[in-house]
Amino acid sequence: MVVPLTRRRLDVDPHRAASRVSAYVYGTVLVLAAVVGVSPEAVGSGAGVLVVVGTVLSTFVAHVLAHSVGELVTGGQHRQLGDAVRDAIPILSSGVLPAVLLLLAADGALTEVWGQSLAALVGLVRVAGIGVVYRRLQADVPFGRAVLVGAVAAAVALLVVVLKLALTH
């Protein structure tokens, strides 16, 4: 008997699953851009932590607002505000470990370069892991395709970071 690496989630409505996956990717990419965009001095002073926390909180609120207004405008199924908040939780989770790593660097437990590098690596691994999430939601997806989805997502995330840094810094 072959044990699958992931089990399909049957308890999540596909529309809400799409919203959660969107929040997961969007939050992670923006946190990754924030982490890469701060200077080593900002990491050392603790300002980098505030940048990540500010990015996460503002993105969370904007995401909830956008989804709530979008539902009203399209006349689609009216979701409760609680559903929109719950579906945006992956945005909040996207900043936890990077913020902790930057905090450790500000505290001197890690060097600025290591703290920032590890925080960025967390973001890349999260985005690359979207293939596993995809496979969990769609059980019939072959493992190779799930890995490819994650690799492409990570490559596009890096492109977004490069564009953000080139155009805004």
N, C-alpha and C. Protein backbone atom coordinates (compact mmCIF):
# COMPACT_ATOMS: atom_id res chain seq x y z
N MET A 1 0.83 -1.17 0.00
CA MET A 1 0.00 0.00 0.00
C MET A 1 0.89 1.25 0.00
N VAL A 2 0.61 2.19 -0.89
CA VAL A 2 1.37 3.42 -0.99
C VAL A 2 0.69 4.49 -0.16
N VAL A 3 1.45 5.10 0.73
CA VAL A 3 0.90 6.17 1.57
C VAL A 3 1.20 7.49 0.88
N PRO A 4 0.17 8.28 0.58
CA PRO A 4 0.41 9.56 -0.08
C PRO A 4 1.15 10.52 0.84
N LEU A 5 1.96 11.41 0.22
CA LEU A 5 2.68 12.41 1.00
C LEU A 5 1.74 13.46 1.57
N THR A 6 0.62 13.65 0.93
CA THR A 6 -0.37 14.61 1.42
C THR A 6 -1.74 13.98 1.37
N ARG A 7 -2.61 14.45 2.26
CA ARG A 7 -4.01 14.02 2.24
C ARG A 7 -4.85 15.15 1.71
N ARG A 8 -5.82 14.81 0.92
CA ARG A 8 -6.70 15.84 0.35
C ARG A 8 -7.62 16.41 1.42
N ARG A 9 -7.72 17.73 1.40
CA ARG A 9 -8.64 18.42 2.31
C ARG A 9 -10.00 18.48 1.66
N LEU A 10 -10.96 17.79 2.22
CA LEU A 10 -12.31 17.79 1.68
C LEU A 10 -13.23 18.74 2.44
N ASP A 11 -12.72 19.29 3.53
CA ASP A 11 -13.57 20.12 4.38
C ASP A 11 -13.52 21.61 4.03
N VAL A 12 -12.76 21.99 3.00
CA VAL A 12 -12.63 23.39 2.65
C VAL A 12 -13.29 23.63 1.30
N ASP A 13 -14.23 24.58 1.27
CA ASP A 13 -14.88 24.98 0.04
C ASP A 13 -13.81 25.47 -0.96
N PRO A 14 -13.91 25.07 -2.24
CA PRO A 14 -12.89 25.46 -3.22
C PRO A 14 -12.68 26.98 -3.32
N HIS A 15 -13.74 27.77 -3.22
CA HIS A 15 -13.60 29.23 -3.29
C HIS A 15 -12.78 29.75 -2.11
N ARG A 16 -13.06 29.22 -0.94
CA ARG A 16 -12.32 29.64 0.26
C ARG A 16 -10.90 29.10 0.23
N ALA A 17 -10.72 27.90 -0.30
CA ALA A 17 -9.36 27.37 -0.43
C ALA A 17 -8.53 28.26 -1.35
N ALA A 18 -9.13 28.70 -2.45
CA ALA A 18 -8.43 29.60 -3.37
C ALA A 18 -8.07 30.91 -2.68
N SER A 19 -8.98 31.42 -1.87
CA SER A 19 -8.72 32.66 -1.13
C SER A 19 -7.56 32.47 -0.15
N ARG A 20 -7.52 31.34 0.52
CA ARG A 20 -6.45 31.07 1.49
C ARG A 20 -5.10 30.90 0.79
N VAL A 21 -5.09 30.19 -0.33
CA VAL A 21 -3.85 30.01 -1.07
C VAL A 21 -3.35 31.35 -1.60
N SER A 22 -4.27 32.16 -2.09
CA SER A 22 -3.92 33.50 -2.56
C SER A 22 -3.29 34.32 -1.44
N ALA A 23 -3.89 34.28 -0.27
CA ALA A 23 -3.36 35.02 0.87
C ALA A 23 -1.99 34.49 1.28
N TYR A 24 -1.81 33.18 1.24
CA TYR A 24 -0.54 32.54 1.59
C TYR A 24 0.58 33.05 0.68
N VAL A 25 0.32 33.01 -0.63
CA VAL A 25 1.34 33.42 -1.59
C VAL A 25 1.57 34.93 -1.51
N TYR A 26 0.50 35.70 -1.53
CA TYR A 26 0.60 37.15 -1.53
C TYR A 26 1.34 37.65 -0.28
N GLY A 27 0.94 37.17 0.87
CA GLY A 27 1.61 37.58 2.11
C GLY A 27 3.06 37.20 2.13
N THR A 28 3.37 36.00 1.70
CA THR A 28 4.75 35.53 1.72
C THR A 28 5.63 36.32 0.76
N VAL A 29 5.13 36.61 -0.42
CA VAL A 29 5.92 37.37 -1.40
C VAL A 29 6.18 38.78 -0.88
N LEU A 30 5.18 39.41 -0.29
CA LEU A 30 5.38 40.77 0.23
C LEU A 30 6.32 40.78 1.43
N VAL A 31 6.25 39.78 2.28
CA VAL A 31 7.19 39.70 3.40
C VAL A 31 8.60 39.46 2.86
N LEU A 32 8.73 38.60 1.88
CA LEU A 32 10.04 38.35 1.27
C LEU A 32 10.63 39.65 0.72
N ALA A 33 9.82 40.41 0.02
CA ALA A 33 10.29 41.69 -0.53
C ALA A 33 10.67 42.65 0.60
N ALA A 34 9.90 42.66 1.67
CA ALA A 34 10.22 43.54 2.80
C ALA A 34 11.54 43.14 3.45
N VAL A 35 11.73 41.84 3.65
CA VAL A 35 12.96 41.34 4.28
C VAL A 35 14.17 41.69 3.43
N VAL A 36 14.09 41.45 2.14
CA VAL A 36 15.22 41.71 1.25
C VAL A 36 15.47 43.20 1.11
N GLY A 37 14.42 44.00 1.23
CA GLY A 37 14.54 45.43 1.02
C GLY A 37 15.11 46.23 2.18
N VAL A 38 15.19 45.65 3.37
CA VAL A 38 15.72 46.42 4.50
C VAL A 38 17.25 46.36 4.50
N SER A 39 17.84 47.41 5.00
CA SER A 39 19.30 47.48 5.07
C SER A 39 19.82 46.67 6.25
N PRO A 40 21.09 46.28 6.20
CA PRO A 40 21.67 45.59 7.36
C PRO A 40 21.59 46.44 8.64
N GLU A 41 21.68 47.76 8.49
CA GLU A 41 21.55 48.64 9.65
C GLU A 41 20.15 48.54 10.25
N ALA A 42 19.14 48.48 9.39
CA ALA A 42 17.76 48.34 9.87
C ALA A 42 17.56 47.00 10.56
N VAL A 43 18.20 45.96 10.05
CA VAL A 43 18.12 44.65 10.70
C VAL A 43 18.75 44.73 12.08
N GLY A 44 19.92 45.34 12.17
CA GLY A 44 20.63 45.44 13.44
C GLY A 44 19.91 46.28 14.48
N SER A 45 19.23 47.32 14.03
CA SER A 45 18.54 48.21 14.97
C SER A 45 17.17 47.71 15.40
N GLY A 46 16.64 46.73 14.70
CA GLY A 46 15.30 46.24 14.99
C GLY A 46 14.24 46.84 14.09
N ALA A 47 14.61 47.83 13.29
CA ALA A 47 13.65 48.46 12.39
C ALA A 47 13.15 47.46 11.34
N GLY A 48 13.97 46.49 10.98
CA GLY A 48 13.56 45.47 10.02
C GLY A 48 12.37 44.66 10.52
N VAL A 49 12.33 44.40 11.82
CA VAL A 49 11.20 43.69 12.41
C VAL A 49 9.93 44.52 12.22
N LEU A 50 10.04 45.82 12.46
CA LEU A 50 8.87 46.69 12.30
C LEU A 50 8.41 46.75 10.85
N VAL A 51 9.35 46.71 9.92
CA VAL A 51 8.98 46.70 8.50
C VAL A 51 8.19 45.44 8.17
N VAL A 52 8.65 44.30 8.65
CA VAL A 52 7.95 43.04 8.39
C VAL A 52 6.58 43.02 9.06
N VAL A 53 6.51 43.43 10.31
CA VAL A 53 5.23 43.44 11.03
C VAL A 53 4.27 44.42 10.36
N GLY A 54 4.76 45.59 9.97
CA GLY A 54 3.93 46.57 9.28
C GLY A 54 3.44 46.05 7.94
N THR A 55 4.30 45.36 7.22
CA THR A 55 3.92 44.78 5.93
C THR A 55 2.82 43.75 6.13
N VAL A 56 2.99 42.89 7.12
CA VAL A 56 2.01 41.82 7.38
C VAL A 56 0.66 42.41 7.79
N LEU A 57 0.67 43.34 8.71
CA LEU A 57 -0.59 43.89 9.20
C LEU A 57 -1.32 44.69 8.12
N SER A 58 -0.59 45.52 7.38
CA SER A 58 -1.25 46.31 6.34
C SER A 58 -1.75 45.43 5.20
N THR A 59 -1.00 44.40 4.85
CA THR A 59 -1.43 43.48 3.80
C THR A 59 -2.66 42.69 4.25
N PHE A 60 -2.68 42.27 5.51
CA PHE A 60 -3.82 41.54 6.06
C PHE A 60 -5.09 42.38 5.96
N VAL A 61 -5.03 43.60 6.44
CA VAL A 61 -6.21 44.47 6.41
C VAL A 61 -6.63 44.76 4.96
N ALA A 62 -5.66 45.04 4.10
CA ALA A 62 -5.99 45.32 2.69
C ALA A 62 -6.62 44.11 2.02
N HIS A 63 -6.12 42.92 2.33
CA HIS A 63 -6.65 41.69 1.73
C HIS A 63 -8.09 41.44 2.18
N VAL A 64 -8.35 41.60 3.47
CA VAL A 64 -9.71 41.42 3.98
C VAL A 64 -10.64 42.44 3.34
N LEU A 65 -10.22 43.69 3.27
CA LEU A 65 -11.02 44.73 2.65
C LEU A 65 -11.30 44.40 1.18
N ALA A 66 -10.27 44.04 0.44
CA ALA A 66 -10.43 43.76 -0.98
C ALA A 66 -11.39 42.60 -1.22
N HIS A 67 -11.26 41.54 -0.46
CA HIS A 67 -12.15 40.40 -0.65
C HIS A 67 -13.58 40.72 -0.23
N SER A 68 -13.73 41.48 0.82
CA SER A 68 -15.07 41.85 1.27
C SER A 68 -15.76 42.75 0.26
N VAL A 69 -15.07 43.76 -0.24
CA VAL A 69 -15.64 44.66 -1.24
C VAL A 69 -15.85 43.91 -2.55
N GLY A 70 -14.92 43.06 -2.92
CA GLY A 70 -15.06 42.28 -4.15
C GLY A 70 -16.32 41.42 -4.16
N GLU A 71 -16.63 40.84 -3.03
CA GLU A 71 -17.85 40.03 -2.93
C GLU A 71 -19.09 40.90 -3.10
N LEU A 72 -19.07 42.11 -2.55
CA LEU A 72 -20.21 43.01 -2.69
C LEU A 72 -20.40 43.46 -4.14
N VAL A 73 -19.29 43.80 -4.78
CA VAL A 73 -19.34 44.34 -6.15
C VAL A 73 -19.81 43.28 -7.14
N THR A 74 -19.32 42.06 -6.99
CA THR A 74 -19.67 41.02 -7.96
C THR A 74 -21.04 40.43 -7.71
N GLY A 75 -21.61 40.72 -6.56
CA GLY A 75 -22.91 40.15 -6.24
C GLY A 75 -22.83 38.66 -6.02
N GLY A 76 -21.60 38.17 -5.79
CA GLY A 76 -21.41 36.74 -5.56
C GLY A 76 -21.93 36.34 -4.21
N GLN A 77 -21.60 35.13 -3.83
CA GLN A 77 -22.01 34.65 -2.52
C GLN A 77 -21.47 35.60 -1.47
N HIS A 78 -22.33 36.07 -0.63
CA HIS A 78 -21.89 37.01 0.40
C HIS A 78 -21.26 36.23 1.55
N ARG A 79 -19.97 36.41 1.65
CA ARG A 79 -19.28 35.76 2.75
C ARG A 79 -19.34 36.67 3.96
N GLN A 80 -19.29 36.08 5.08
CA GLN A 80 -19.23 36.84 6.32
C GLN A 80 -17.83 37.44 6.46
N LEU A 81 -17.75 38.54 7.17
CA LEU A 81 -16.46 39.17 7.44
C LEU A 81 -15.53 38.16 8.12
N GLY A 82 -16.09 37.33 8.98
CA GLY A 82 -15.29 36.31 9.65
C GLY A 82 -14.62 35.35 8.68
N ASP A 83 -15.30 35.00 7.59
CA ASP A 83 -14.70 34.13 6.58
C ASP A 83 -13.52 34.83 5.90
N ALA A 84 -13.70 36.11 5.57
CA ALA A 84 -12.63 36.85 4.92
C ALA A 84 -11.42 36.97 5.85
N VAL A 85 -11.68 37.19 7.12
CA VAL A 85 -10.58 37.28 8.10
C VAL A 85 -9.89 35.93 8.21
N ARG A 86 -10.67 34.87 8.34
CA ARG A 86 -10.09 33.51 8.47
C ARG A 86 -9.27 33.14 7.25
N ASP A 87 -9.76 33.49 6.07
CA ASP A 87 -9.05 33.15 4.85
C ASP A 87 -7.77 33.96 4.67
N ALA A 88 -7.65 35.07 5.38
CA ALA A 88 -6.45 35.92 5.28
C ALA A 88 -5.40 35.58 6.34
N ILE A 89 -5.69 34.65 7.23
CA ILE A 89 -4.74 34.28 8.29
C ILE A 89 -3.37 33.88 7.73
N PRO A 90 -3.29 33.21 6.57
CA PRO A 90 -1.96 32.88 6.05
C PRO A 90 -1.06 34.11 5.83
N ILE A 91 -1.65 35.28 5.64
CA ILE A 91 -0.84 36.49 5.52
C ILE A 91 -0.13 36.75 6.84
N LEU A 92 -0.87 36.64 7.94
CA LEU A 92 -0.26 36.86 9.25
C LEU A 92 0.84 35.84 9.52
N SER A 93 0.58 34.59 9.19
CA SER A 93 1.58 33.55 9.46
C SER A 93 2.83 33.73 8.61
N SER A 94 2.70 34.40 7.47
CA SER A 94 3.86 34.57 6.59
C SER A 94 4.96 35.41 7.22
N GLY A 95 4.63 36.24 8.17
CA GLY A 95 5.64 37.12 8.75
C GLY A 95 6.20 36.68 10.09
N VAL A 96 5.64 35.63 10.68
CA VAL A 96 6.05 35.25 12.03
C VAL A 96 7.51 34.84 12.10
N LEU A 97 7.90 33.83 11.36
CA LEU A 97 9.28 33.33 11.45
C LEU A 97 10.29 34.36 10.92
N PRO A 98 10.02 35.04 9.80
CA PRO A 98 10.96 36.09 9.39
C PRO A 98 11.13 37.18 10.45
N ALA A 99 10.04 37.59 11.09
CA ALA A 99 10.14 38.61 12.14
C ALA A 99 10.97 38.11 13.32
N VAL A 100 10.77 36.84 13.70
CA VAL A 100 11.54 36.27 14.81
C VAL A 100 13.03 36.23 14.45
N LEU A 101 13.34 35.82 13.22
CA LEU A 101 14.74 35.78 12.80
C LEU A 101 15.37 37.17 12.78
N LEU A 102 14.63 38.15 12.31
CA LEU A 102 15.14 39.53 12.31
C LEU A 102 15.28 40.05 13.75
N LEU A 103 14.38 39.65 14.62
CA LEU A 103 14.48 40.03 16.02
C LEU A 103 15.73 39.42 16.67
N LEU A 104 16.01 38.17 16.34
CA LEU A 104 17.23 37.52 16.85
C LEU A 104 18.47 38.25 16.35
N ALA A 105 18.43 38.71 15.11
CA ALA A 105 19.57 39.47 14.57
C ALA A 105 19.70 40.82 15.27
N ALA A 106 18.59 41.48 15.54
CA ALA A 106 18.63 42.77 16.24
C ALA A 106 19.13 42.60 17.67
N ASP A 107 18.83 41.45 18.25
CA ASP A 107 19.24 41.15 19.63
C ASP A 107 20.69 40.68 19.71
N GLY A 108 21.30 40.38 18.56
CA GLY A 108 22.69 39.94 18.53
C GLY A 108 22.88 38.44 18.56
N ALA A 109 21.79 37.67 18.62
CA ALA A 109 21.91 36.21 18.62
C ALA A 109 22.34 35.69 17.25
N LEU A 110 22.03 36.45 16.21
CA LEU A 110 22.47 36.16 14.84
C LEU A 110 23.10 37.44 14.29
N THR A 111 24.00 37.29 13.33
CA THR A 111 24.51 38.49 12.67
C THR A 111 23.40 39.05 11.79
N GLU A 112 23.52 40.30 11.41
CA GLU A 112 22.51 40.92 10.55
C GLU A 112 22.35 40.16 9.24
N VAL A 113 23.50 39.78 8.66
CA VAL A 113 23.46 39.07 7.38
C VAL A 113 22.79 37.72 7.52
N TRP A 114 23.12 36.98 8.58
CA TRP A 114 22.49 35.67 8.78
C TRP A 114 21.00 35.79 9.07
N GLY A 115 20.64 36.72 9.91
CA GLY A 115 19.23 36.91 10.23
C GLY A 115 18.42 37.26 9.00
N GLN A 116 18.93 38.19 8.22
CA GLN A 116 18.22 38.60 7.00
C GLN A 116 18.20 37.48 5.97
N SER A 117 19.30 36.79 5.81
CA SER A 117 19.37 35.69 4.84
C SER A 117 18.43 34.56 5.21
N LEU A 118 18.41 34.18 6.47
CA LEU A 118 17.51 33.11 6.91
C LEU A 118 16.05 33.53 6.78
N ALA A 119 15.75 34.79 7.10
CA ALA A 119 14.38 35.29 6.96
C ALA A 119 13.94 35.25 5.50
N ALA A 120 14.85 35.61 4.58
CA ALA A 120 14.53 35.55 3.15
C ALA A 120 14.36 34.10 2.70
N LEU A 121 15.21 33.22 3.20
CA LEU A 121 15.11 31.80 2.85
C LEU A 121 13.77 31.22 3.29
N VAL A 122 13.30 31.62 4.46
CA VAL A 122 11.99 31.17 4.94
C VAL A 122 10.91 31.54 3.92
N GLY A 123 10.97 32.77 3.41
CA GLY A 123 9.99 33.21 2.42
C GLY A 123 10.05 32.38 1.15
N LEU A 124 11.26 32.13 0.66
CA LEU A 124 11.40 31.33 -0.56
C LEU A 124 10.89 29.90 -0.36
N VAL A 125 11.21 29.32 0.78
CA VAL A 125 10.76 27.95 1.05
C VAL A 125 9.23 27.90 1.17
N ARG A 126 8.65 28.93 1.80
CA ARG A 126 7.18 28.98 1.89
C ARG A 126 6.54 29.05 0.50
N VAL A 127 7.08 29.90 -0.36
CA VAL A 127 6.50 30.01 -1.70
C VAL A 127 6.71 28.72 -2.47
N ALA A 128 7.90 28.15 -2.38
CA ALA A 128 8.16 26.89 -3.08
C ALA A 128 7.25 25.78 -2.55
N GLY A 129 6.88 25.86 -1.29
CA GLY A 129 6.01 24.86 -0.69
C GLY A 129 4.57 24.93 -1.15
N ILE A 130 4.23 25.92 -1.94
CA ILE A 130 2.85 26.05 -2.41
C ILE A 130 2.46 24.84 -3.27
N GLY A 131 3.44 24.19 -3.86
CA GLY A 131 3.14 22.98 -4.63
C GLY A 131 2.55 21.89 -3.76
N VAL A 132 3.04 21.77 -2.54
CA VAL A 132 2.51 20.78 -1.60
C VAL A 132 1.08 21.15 -1.21
N VAL A 133 0.85 22.45 -0.99
CA VAL A 133 -0.50 22.90 -0.67
C VAL A 133 -1.44 22.61 -1.83
N TYR A 134 -0.97 22.91 -3.03
CA TYR A 134 -1.75 22.65 -4.26
C TYR A 134 -2.10 21.17 -4.34
N ARG A 135 -1.14 20.32 -4.08
CA ARG A 135 -1.39 18.87 -4.16
C ARG A 135 -2.36 18.42 -3.08
N ARG A 136 -2.29 19.06 -1.93
CA ARG A 136 -3.20 18.69 -0.85
C ARG A 136 -4.64 19.05 -1.19
N LEU A 137 -4.82 20.16 -1.90
CA LEU A 137 -6.16 20.58 -2.28
C LEU A 137 -6.67 19.84 -3.51
N GLN A 138 -5.77 19.39 -4.34
CA GLN A 138 -6.12 18.65 -5.56
C GLN A 138 -5.38 17.32 -5.53
N ALA A 139 -5.93 16.32 -4.91
CA ALA A 139 -5.23 15.05 -4.65
C ALA A 139 -4.78 14.33 -5.91
N ASP A 140 -5.41 14.62 -7.05
CA ASP A 140 -5.05 13.90 -8.27
C ASP A 140 -3.85 14.52 -8.98
N VAL A 141 -3.24 15.53 -8.41
CA VAL A 141 -2.07 16.17 -9.03
C VAL A 141 -0.85 15.31 -8.76
N PRO A 142 -0.11 14.96 -9.82
CA PRO A 142 1.12 14.18 -9.63
C PRO A 142 2.16 14.97 -8.83
N PHE A 143 2.98 14.25 -8.09
CA PHE A 143 3.99 14.89 -7.25
C PHE A 143 4.92 15.78 -8.07
N GLY A 144 5.34 15.32 -9.22
CA GLY A 144 6.24 16.12 -10.08
C GLY A 144 5.62 17.45 -10.47
N ARG A 145 4.33 17.43 -10.76
CA ARG A 145 3.65 18.68 -11.13
C ARG A 145 3.57 19.62 -9.92
N ALA A 146 3.34 19.08 -8.75
CA ALA A 146 3.29 19.90 -7.54
C ALA A 146 4.64 20.56 -7.28
N VAL A 147 5.72 19.82 -7.47
CA VAL A 147 7.06 20.38 -7.30
C VAL A 147 7.31 21.48 -8.34
N LEU A 148 6.88 21.24 -9.56
CA LEU A 148 7.04 22.25 -10.62
C LEU A 148 6.27 23.52 -10.29
N VAL A 149 5.04 23.38 -9.80
CA VAL A 149 4.25 24.55 -9.41
C VAL A 149 5.00 25.35 -8.34
N GLY A 150 5.56 24.67 -7.36
CA GLY A 150 6.31 25.35 -6.30
C GLY A 150 7.55 26.04 -6.84
N ALA A 151 8.27 25.38 -7.73
CA ALA A 151 9.49 25.98 -8.29
C ALA A 151 9.18 27.21 -9.14
N VAL A 152 8.12 27.12 -9.94
CA VAL A 152 7.72 28.27 -10.75
C VAL A 152 7.25 29.42 -9.85
N ALA A 153 6.50 29.10 -8.83
CA ALA A 153 6.04 30.13 -7.90
C ALA A 153 7.22 30.82 -7.22
N ALA A 154 8.23 30.06 -6.81
CA ALA A 154 9.41 30.65 -6.17
C ALA A 154 10.17 31.53 -7.16
N ALA A 155 10.29 31.10 -8.41
CA ALA A 155 10.98 31.91 -9.42
C ALA A 155 10.24 33.23 -9.68
N VAL A 156 8.92 33.15 -9.77
CA VAL A 156 8.13 34.37 -9.98
C VAL A 156 8.22 35.28 -8.75
N ALA A 157 8.23 34.69 -7.56
CA ALA A 157 8.38 35.48 -6.33
C ALA A 157 9.70 36.24 -6.34
N LEU A 158 10.76 35.58 -6.78
CA LEU A 158 12.05 36.26 -6.87
C LEU A 158 12.00 37.41 -7.88
N LEU A 159 11.30 37.20 -8.98
CA LEU A 159 11.14 38.26 -9.98
C LEU A 159 10.39 39.44 -9.37
N VAL A 160 9.35 39.18 -8.60
CA VAL A 160 8.59 40.24 -7.94
C VAL A 160 9.51 41.03 -7.00
N VAL A 161 10.33 40.33 -6.24
CA VAL A 161 11.25 41.00 -5.31
C VAL A 161 12.23 41.88 -6.08
N VAL A 162 12.79 41.35 -7.15
CA VAL A 162 13.73 42.14 -7.97
C VAL A 162 13.04 43.37 -8.54
N LEU A 163 11.84 43.20 -9.06
CA LEU A 163 11.10 44.35 -9.61
C LEU A 163 10.81 45.38 -8.52
N LYS A 164 10.38 44.92 -7.36
CA LYS A 164 10.06 45.86 -6.28
C LYS A 164 11.30 46.64 -5.87
N LEU A 165 12.42 45.94 -5.70
CA LEU A 165 13.64 46.61 -5.27
C LEU A 165 14.17 47.55 -6.36
N ALA A 166 14.10 47.12 -7.60
CA ALA A 166 14.59 47.96 -8.70
C ALA A 166 13.74 49.20 -8.91
N LEU A 167 12.45 49.08 -8.72
CA LEU A 167 11.55 50.18 -9.04
C LEU A 167 11.19 51.07 -7.85
N THR A 168 11.41 50.57 -6.63
CA THR A 168 10.99 51.37 -5.47
C THR A 168 12.12 51.75 -4.54
N HIS A 169 13.30 51.26 -4.74
CA HIS A 169 14.41 51.61 -3.84
C HIS A 169 15.48 52.38 -4.57
